[in-house]
Amino acid sequence: MPDEYVPPPHGIAWETIEPARAGFDPAALGRAIAFARARETPWPRDLRAFLEAGYFDKPPDNALLGPVAPRGAPNGLVLRGGRMVAAWGDTRQVDMTFSIAKSYLSLLAGIASADGLIADLDEPVGRTVDDGGFAGPHNGAITWRHLLQLTSEWEGTLWDKSDAIDRNRDIGTEARGLKGTWRALQPPGTLWEYNDVRVNRFSLALLRRFRRPLPEVFRERIMAPLGASSDWRWDGYRNSFVEIEGRVMQSVPGGGHWGGGVFIHAEDQARIGLLMLRRGDWGGRRLLPEAWVRESTTPCACNPQYGFMWWLNTDGQRYPEASAASFFAFGAGGNVTWVDPAHHLVAVMRWMDPDAIGAFMGLVTAALGA
């Protein structure tokens, strides 16, 4: 299946292709889309009330710091070879994306690396980010690679949130279990933990290196070249402002855990997924180094299902129904960008029941006869 087609800028019709011409069994793909339509996330539409009720954190750690908006209805799309094969719901409905923003931070880190702002991923961050956040023997040993792979074990408080909030976090149970309980820190690079405070510290470190608001860089270097809409935004917290070279800038989070984050629609997300499918190339223009995409999708030693803020399907362990080559940007509540290089596929699912994601991938893959 050739991959040459590049979608035109937003506002010009995205080329569609009949399922049969794209290699799908039309009836089987139709069943997959019907399955998706019928599997709405159990999350309520009122996300503010939901978050304030303590889905992620118990009070007082659940206090919101950034904007929150009600979610819309489920929607999504499937691309093959870049062309639109199927879609359901309103794919231009702008919604919160939660931790999908982490994958977008990874793209920005790739740009910083290409620009020489990060000279060596294994260099301690504190050598070039001198704001006190990476001082001392423990935090001073943290490298950019540790931050990207969620193995930093960074210790501290940022934007009134302590890293201890997310210690012992199990993303399958969120505010239940041992989340938020004390445990001894391990040496950086030896333990994988999904910790939003540490991700936000990474975002601030990137802001220090770019010396520009990250949404500006993201728009200029990723979204504008992709022909994305102007409908997306990336919001920070009410208390996440810093001054750099006389300019006050807002640091942005890598999720919507405490509000804020990326608000975007499925079509813009699909463009980002397609960029990753094509290893950073967009119609002959190199937006990301191919080596960065390769590293981003290389398993972390501490968690083989994770790369540089992209989830992996190493050995088919996460989703046996999908190809082992698949990788994903995930956001809480059933928000997924699925990239499958083995089948030239990109799919975006918004507000799908998380328990149905694997089965949906299986149905789409089976519709190809694979």
Protein backbone atom coordinates (compact mmCIF):
# COMPACT_ATOMS: atom_id res chain seq x y z
CA MET A 1 0.00 0.00 0.00
CA PRO A 2 1.77 3.20 -1.10
CA ASP A 3 2.16 5.97 1.47
CA GLU A 4 2.76 8.94 -0.83
CA TYR A 5 -0.51 10.81 -0.30
CA VAL A 6 -0.15 13.91 1.85
CA PRO A 7 -3.40 15.44 3.12
CA PRO A 8 -3.90 19.05 2.03
CA PRO A 9 -4.13 21.86 4.57
CA HIS A 10 -7.18 22.02 6.81
CA GLY A 11 -10.15 23.45 4.96
CA ILE A 12 -9.42 21.51 1.76
CA ALA A 13 -11.12 18.15 1.50
CA TRP A 14 -9.12 15.20 2.80
CA GLU A 15 -9.06 12.58 0.06
CA THR A 16 -11.19 9.55 0.84
CA ILE A 17 -10.82 6.05 -0.53
CA GLU A 18 -13.34 3.24 -0.73
CA PRO A 19 -12.56 0.47 1.79
CA ALA A 20 -12.17 -2.15 -0.95
CA ARG A 21 -9.64 0.00 -2.83
CA ALA A 22 -7.73 0.44 0.42
CA GLY A 23 -7.53 -3.32 0.87
CA PHE A 24 -10.35 -3.74 3.41
CA ASP A 25 -13.27 -6.07 3.36
CA PRO A 26 -16.01 -3.39 3.34
CA ALA A 27 -18.47 -5.39 5.44
CA ALA A 28 -15.82 -6.29 8.01
CA LEU A 29 -14.64 -2.68 8.28
CA GLY A 30 -18.27 -1.61 8.62
CA ARG A 31 -18.62 -3.95 11.59
CA ALA A 32 -15.51 -2.45 13.16
CA ILE A 33 -16.92 1.08 12.84
CA ALA A 34 -20.30 -0.02 14.22
CA PHE A 35 -18.42 -1.58 17.15
CA ALA A 36 -16.62 1.73 17.78
CA ARG A 37 -19.85 3.72 17.67
CA ALA A 38 -21.42 1.43 20.26
CA ARG A 39 -18.51 1.51 22.74
CA GLU A 40 -18.60 4.93 24.39
CA THR A 41 -16.32 5.59 27.34
CA PRO A 42 -17.94 5.30 30.77
CA TRP A 43 -16.59 8.77 31.60
CA PRO A 44 -19.38 11.36 32.04
CA ARG A 45 -19.65 14.40 29.79
CA ASP A 46 -19.06 16.78 32.73
CA LEU A 47 -15.31 16.36 33.06
CA ARG A 48 -14.87 19.07 35.68
CA ALA A 49 -17.21 17.39 38.13
CA PHE A 50 -15.60 14.04 37.34
CA LEU A 51 -12.08 15.27 38.04
CA GLU A 52 -13.11 17.20 41.12
CA ALA A 53 -14.78 14.06 42.45
CA GLY A 54 -11.33 12.46 42.63
CA TYR A 55 -10.90 10.19 39.62
CA PHE A 56 -7.14 10.79 39.54
CA ASP A 57 -6.46 12.04 43.06
CA LYS A 58 -8.04 12.24 46.46
CA PRO A 59 -8.57 15.69 48.02
CA PRO A 60 -6.71 17.99 48.33
CA ASP A 61 -4.40 16.68 45.60
CA ASN A 62 -7.26 16.77 43.06
CA ALA A 63 -7.41 20.59 43.03
CA LEU A 64 -7.62 21.77 39.40
CA LEU A 65 -5.11 24.33 38.14
CA GLY A 66 -6.02 24.64 34.45
CA PRO A 67 -9.08 24.90 32.20
CA VAL A 68 -11.48 21.96 31.87
CA ALA A 69 -14.28 21.62 29.31
CA PRO A 70 -17.14 19.14 28.97
CA ARG A 71 -16.33 16.34 26.56
CA GLY A 72 -18.25 15.66 23.38
CA ALA A 73 -19.55 12.49 21.81
CA PRO A 74 -17.36 9.62 20.60
CA ASN A 75 -15.74 10.02 17.20
CA GLY A 76 -12.81 8.78 15.20
CA LEU A 77 -11.31 7.90 11.86
CA VAL A 78 -9.18 5.36 10.04
CA LEU A 79 -6.49 6.24 7.48
CA ARG A 80 -4.67 3.91 5.14
CA GLY A 81 -1.83 5.26 3.04
CA GLY A 82 -2.83 8.67 4.40
CA ARG A 83 -6.29 8.60 2.82
CA MET A 84 -9.50 8.60 4.81
CA VAL A 85 -11.10 5.16 4.72
CA ALA A 86 -13.71 5.54 7.46
CA ALA A 87 -14.90 8.03 10.05
CA TRP A 88 -17.58 8.25 12.69
CA GLY A 89 -18.97 11.09 14.76
CA ASP A 90 -17.73 14.67 14.55
CA THR A 91 -14.02 14.41 13.79
CA ARG A 92 -13.62 18.19 14.16
CA GLN A 93 -14.91 18.24 17.71
CA VAL A 94 -12.25 19.85 19.91
CA ASP A 95 -11.81 18.06 23.23
CA MET A 96 -9.30 17.52 26.00
CA THR A 97 -6.76 14.79 25.23
CA PHE A 98 -5.14 14.17 28.63
CA SER A 99 -1.84 12.25 28.32
CA ILE A 100 -1.68 12.34 24.54
CA ALA A 101 0.08 15.64 25.28
CA LYS A 102 3.03 13.58 26.56
CA SER A 103 3.62 12.25 23.06
CA TYR A 104 3.54 15.81 21.76
CA LEU A 105 6.19 16.81 24.30
CA SER A 106 8.29 14.01 22.85
CA LEU A 107 7.99 15.60 19.39
CA LEU A 108 9.18 18.90 20.85
CA ALA A 109 12.12 17.15 22.47
CA GLY A 110 12.99 15.73 19.05
CA ILE A 111 13.03 19.25 17.63
CA ALA A 112 15.17 20.46 20.55
CA SER A 113 17.60 17.64 19.87
CA ALA A 114 17.73 18.41 16.14
CA ASP A 115 18.32 22.11 16.90
CA GLY A 116 21.19 21.35 19.28
CA LEU A 117 19.29 22.58 22.33
CA ILE A 118 19.68 19.08 23.75
CA ALA A 119 23.18 18.07 22.76
CA ASP A 120 23.17 14.64 24.38
CA LEU A 121 20.19 12.70 25.73
CA ASP A 122 22.44 11.15 28.36
CA GLU A 123 23.69 14.49 29.63
CA PRO A 124 22.38 15.61 33.04
CA VAL A 125 19.57 18.10 32.49
CA GLY A 126 21.00 20.42 35.14
CA ARG A 127 23.98 21.26 32.93
CA THR A 128 21.77 23.36 30.66
CA VAL A 129 18.68 23.96 32.82
CA ASP A 130 19.94 25.93 35.78
CA ASP A 131 16.76 26.82 37.65
CA GLY A 132 17.30 24.79 40.83
CA GLY A 133 15.09 21.93 39.69
CA PHE A 134 18.00 19.66 38.88
CA ALA A 135 20.37 20.46 41.72
CA GLY A 136 21.81 18.07 44.26
CA PRO A 137 23.10 14.52 44.00
CA HIS A 138 19.74 12.91 43.18
CA ASN A 139 18.01 15.34 40.81
CA GLY A 140 21.41 16.35 39.46
CA ALA A 141 21.90 12.86 38.03
CA ILE A 142 18.72 12.99 35.93
CA THR A 143 19.24 12.99 32.17
CA TRP A 144 16.97 13.93 29.29
CA ARG A 145 16.60 10.23 28.48
CA HIS A 146 15.35 9.54 32.01
CA LEU A 147 12.69 12.23 31.66
CA LEU A 148 11.58 10.98 28.25
CA GLN A 149 11.30 7.37 29.43
CA LEU A 150 9.58 8.24 32.76
CA THR A 151 12.45 6.81 34.76
CA SER A 152 13.76 10.07 36.23
CA GLU A 153 12.56 9.66 39.85
CA TRP A 154 12.66 13.47 40.02
CA GLU A 155 11.87 14.71 43.51
CA GLY A 156 10.21 18.01 44.27
CA THR A 157 7.14 20.21 44.04
CA LEU A 158 6.10 22.01 40.88
CA TRP A 159 3.06 24.28 40.42
CA ASP A 160 1.95 23.35 43.98
CA LYS A 161 1.94 19.62 43.15
CA SER A 162 4.44 17.28 44.79
CA ASP A 163 5.91 14.36 42.86
CA ALA A 164 4.73 12.22 45.79
CA ILE A 165 1.13 12.57 44.52
CA ASP A 166 1.92 10.14 41.71
CA ARG A 167 4.35 7.83 43.45
CA ASN A 168 3.21 4.21 43.35
CA ARG A 169 0.74 5.14 40.62
CA ASP A 170 -1.00 2.37 38.72
CA ILE A 171 -2.73 3.90 35.70
CA GLY A 172 -5.14 0.99 35.66
CA THR A 173 -6.56 1.96 39.05
CA GLU A 174 -5.70 5.69 39.28
CA ALA A 175 -6.77 7.12 42.68
CA ARG A 176 -7.16 3.68 44.20
CA GLY A 177 -4.46 1.35 45.47
CA LEU A 178 -1.10 2.68 46.68
CA LYS A 179 -1.10 5.88 44.60
CA GLY A 180 0.19 8.80 46.62
CA THR A 181 1.75 6.70 49.37
CA TRP A 182 5.37 7.10 50.38
CA ARG A 183 8.13 4.97 48.93
CA ALA A 184 11.86 5.44 48.82
CA LEU A 185 13.23 6.98 45.64
CA GLN A 186 15.37 4.82 43.39
CA PRO A 187 18.42 5.98 41.40
CA PRO A 188 17.40 7.80 38.20
CA GLY A 189 17.05 5.42 35.28
CA THR A 190 16.24 2.32 37.34
CA LEU A 191 12.47 2.50 37.88
CA TRP A 192 9.63 3.34 35.45
CA GLU A 193 6.74 5.31 36.93
CA TYR A 194 3.89 7.22 35.34
CA ASN A 195 4.20 10.52 37.20
CA ASP A 196 2.59 13.68 35.86
CA VAL A 197 4.53 16.05 38.11
CA ARG A 198 7.77 14.75 36.63
CA VAL A 199 6.38 15.09 33.11
CA ASN A 200 5.47 18.69 33.88
CA ARG A 201 9.02 19.25 35.14
CA PHE A 202 10.23 17.90 31.78
CA SER A 203 7.95 20.35 29.97
CA LEU A 204 9.38 23.25 31.99
CA ALA A 205 12.91 22.08 31.17
CA LEU A 206 12.05 22.14 27.45
CA LEU A 207 10.61 25.63 27.84
CA ARG A 208 13.92 26.72 29.43
CA ARG A 209 15.85 25.36 26.46
CA PHE A 210 13.60 26.78 23.73
CA ARG A 211 13.16 30.05 25.63
CA ARG A 212 9.81 30.28 23.89
CA PRO A 213 6.35 29.01 24.86
CA LEU A 214 6.07 25.40 23.77
CA PRO A 215 2.69 25.90 22.01
CA GLU A 216 4.39 28.50 19.79
CA VAL A 217 7.12 26.05 18.84
CA PHE A 218 4.62 23.25 18.33
CA ARG A 219 2.52 25.41 16.02
CA GLU A 220 5.49 26.66 14.01
CA ARG A 221 7.45 23.42 13.68
CA ILE A 222 4.75 20.74 13.68
CA MET A 223 1.17 21.88 13.25
CA ALA A 224 1.59 24.57 10.59
CA PRO A 225 3.76 22.40 8.32
CA LEU A 226 1.23 19.57 8.72
CA GLY A 227 -1.55 21.85 7.50
CA ALA A 228 -3.41 21.44 10.78
CA SER A 229 -6.35 23.60 11.76
CA SER A 230 -6.12 26.57 14.11
CA ASP A 231 -8.73 24.98 16.37
CA TRP A 232 -6.32 23.28 18.79
CA ARG A 233 -4.76 24.87 21.85
CA TRP A 234 -2.38 23.88 24.65
CA ASP A 235 -3.28 25.44 27.99
CA GLY A 236 -1.15 25.70 31.11
CA TYR A 237 -2.03 26.28 34.74
CA ARG A 238 -3.01 29.49 36.45
CA ASN A 239 0.25 29.31 38.43
CA SER A 240 2.62 27.92 35.78
CA PHE A 241 4.13 31.20 34.58
CA VAL A 242 7.85 31.89 34.45
CA GLU A 243 9.90 34.83 33.20
CA ILE A 244 12.60 34.17 30.61
CA GLU A 245 14.68 37.01 29.19
CA GLY A 246 12.09 39.52 30.34
CA ARG A 247 9.16 37.68 28.80
CA VAL A 248 6.50 36.01 30.95
CA MET A 249 5.63 32.59 29.57
CA GLN A 250 3.24 29.84 30.62
CA SER A 251 4.64 26.36 31.01
CA VAL A 252 2.21 23.71 29.74
CA PRO A 253 1.47 20.28 31.21
CA GLY A 254 1.80 16.86 29.64
CA GLY A 255 -1.81 16.00 30.33
CA GLY A 256 -5.12 17.15 31.77
CA HIS A 257 -4.66 15.54 35.19
CA TRP A 258 -5.16 18.91 36.91
CA GLY A 259 -6.84 20.65 33.96
CA GLY A 260 -5.23 22.30 30.98
CA GLY A 261 -3.23 20.41 28.38
CA VAL A 262 -3.99 19.92 24.70
CA PHE A 263 -7.50 20.54 23.35
CA ILE A 264 -7.67 19.21 19.79
CA HIS A 265 -9.80 17.29 17.30
CA ALA A 266 -9.35 13.90 15.67
CA GLU A 267 -8.33 15.17 12.23
CA ASP A 268 -5.43 17.20 13.62
CA GLN A 269 -4.40 14.23 15.73
CA ALA A 270 -4.44 12.04 12.63
CA ARG A 271 -1.94 14.34 10.93
CA ILE A 272 0.46 13.90 13.85
CA GLY A 273 -0.03 10.14 13.72
CA LEU A 274 0.68 10.18 9.98
CA LEU A 275 3.87 12.16 10.58
CA MET A 276 5.03 9.45 12.98
CA LEU A 277 4.03 6.71 10.52
CA ARG A 278 6.24 8.40 7.93
CA ARG A 279 9.16 8.64 10.33
CA GLY A 280 9.12 12.41 10.57
CA ASP A 281 8.78 13.18 6.85
CA TRP A 282 5.89 15.21 5.45
CA GLY A 283 5.75 15.27 1.67
CA GLY A 284 9.53 15.49 1.38
CA ARG A 285 9.91 18.00 4.20
CA ARG A 286 11.70 16.64 7.26
CA LEU A 287 9.91 17.81 10.41
CA LEU A 288 11.50 15.30 12.78
CA PRO A 289 14.75 13.37 12.45
CA GLU A 290 14.07 9.79 11.41
CA ALA A 291 16.43 8.70 14.16
CA TRP A 292 14.24 10.47 16.71
CA VAL A 293 11.14 8.58 15.63
CA ARG A 294 13.12 5.36 15.80
CA GLU A 295 14.34 6.13 19.33
CA SER A 296 10.85 7.22 20.37
CA THR A 297 9.52 3.80 19.44
CA THR A 298 12.39 1.79 20.96
CA PRO A 299 11.47 -0.05 24.18
CA CYS A 300 12.69 1.37 27.45
CA ALA A 301 14.81 -1.05 29.51
CA CYS A 302 12.57 -0.51 32.55
CA ASN A 303 9.32 -0.89 30.60
CA PRO A 304 9.38 -2.61 27.19
CA GLN A 305 5.90 -1.22 26.45
CA TYR A 306 7.13 2.39 26.55
CA GLY A 307 9.48 4.48 24.43
CA PHE A 308 9.95 8.26 24.48
CA MET A 309 6.44 9.08 25.74
CA TRP A 310 4.88 6.79 23.14
CA TRP A 311 3.31 3.49 24.17
CA LEU A 312 4.51 0.40 22.31
CA ASN A 313 3.14 -3.03 21.52
CA THR A 314 6.38 -4.92 21.99
CA ASP A 315 5.88 -8.62 21.24
CA GLY A 316 2.15 -7.88 20.95
CA GLN A 317 1.88 -7.88 24.74
CA ARG A 318 -0.21 -4.75 25.21
CA TYR A 319 -2.71 -5.49 22.45
CA PRO A 320 -2.39 -8.99 20.97
CA GLU A 321 -5.10 -8.01 18.48
CA ALA A 322 -2.84 -5.40 16.83
CA SER A 323 0.49 -5.81 15.07
CA ALA A 324 3.57 -5.85 17.30
CA ALA A 325 4.87 -2.90 15.25
CA SER A 326 2.01 -0.70 16.48
CA PHE A 327 2.61 2.25 18.77
CA PHE A 328 0.23 4.67 20.42
CA ALA A 329 -0.42 8.05 21.97
CA PHE A 330 -2.85 7.44 24.83
CA GLY A 331 -5.05 9.81 26.79
CA ALA A 332 -7.28 8.92 29.71
CA GLY A 333 -10.95 8.35 29.05
CA GLY A 334 -10.44 6.36 25.85
CA ASN A 335 -8.46 8.73 23.61
CA VAL A 336 -6.00 7.00 21.30
CA THR A 337 -3.87 7.64 18.26
CA TRP A 338 -2.92 4.23 16.86
CA VAL A 339 -0.04 4.05 14.39
CA ASP A 340 0.50 0.69 12.68
CA PRO A 341 3.47 0.74 10.27
CA ALA A 342 2.95 -2.94 9.43
CA HIS A 343 -0.35 -2.10 7.72
CA HIS A 344 0.16 1.59 6.77
CA LEU A 345 -2.61 2.49 9.21
CA VAL A 346 -3.36 5.46 11.42
CA ALA A 347 -6.54 5.50 13.48
CA VAL A 348 -7.80 8.00 16.02
CA MET A 349 -10.36 7.03 18.61
CA ARG A 350 -11.98 9.63 20.84
CA TRP A 351 -13.96 8.69 23.96
CA MET A 352 -13.98 4.95 23.28
CA ASP A 353 -14.44 2.56 26.19
CA PRO A 354 -10.82 1.68 27.10
CA ASP A 355 -11.84 -1.97 27.51
CA ALA A 356 -12.92 -2.05 23.85
CA ILE A 357 -9.77 -0.57 22.28
CA GLY A 358 -7.98 -3.87 21.71
CA ALA A 359 -11.04 -5.50 20.21
CA PHE A 360 -11.52 -2.55 17.84
CA MET A 361 -7.93 -2.81 16.66
CA GLY A 362 -8.48 -6.51 16.10
CA LEU A 363 -11.56 -5.90 14.00
CA VAL A 364 -9.81 -3.29 11.84
CA THR A 365 -6.78 -5.52 11.34
CA ALA A 366 -8.95 -8.52 10.55
CA ALA A 367 -10.84 -6.45 7.96
CA LEU A 368 -7.55 -6.30 6.05
CA GLY A 369 -7.36 -10.07 6.05
CA ALA A 370 -4.16 -9.83 8.11
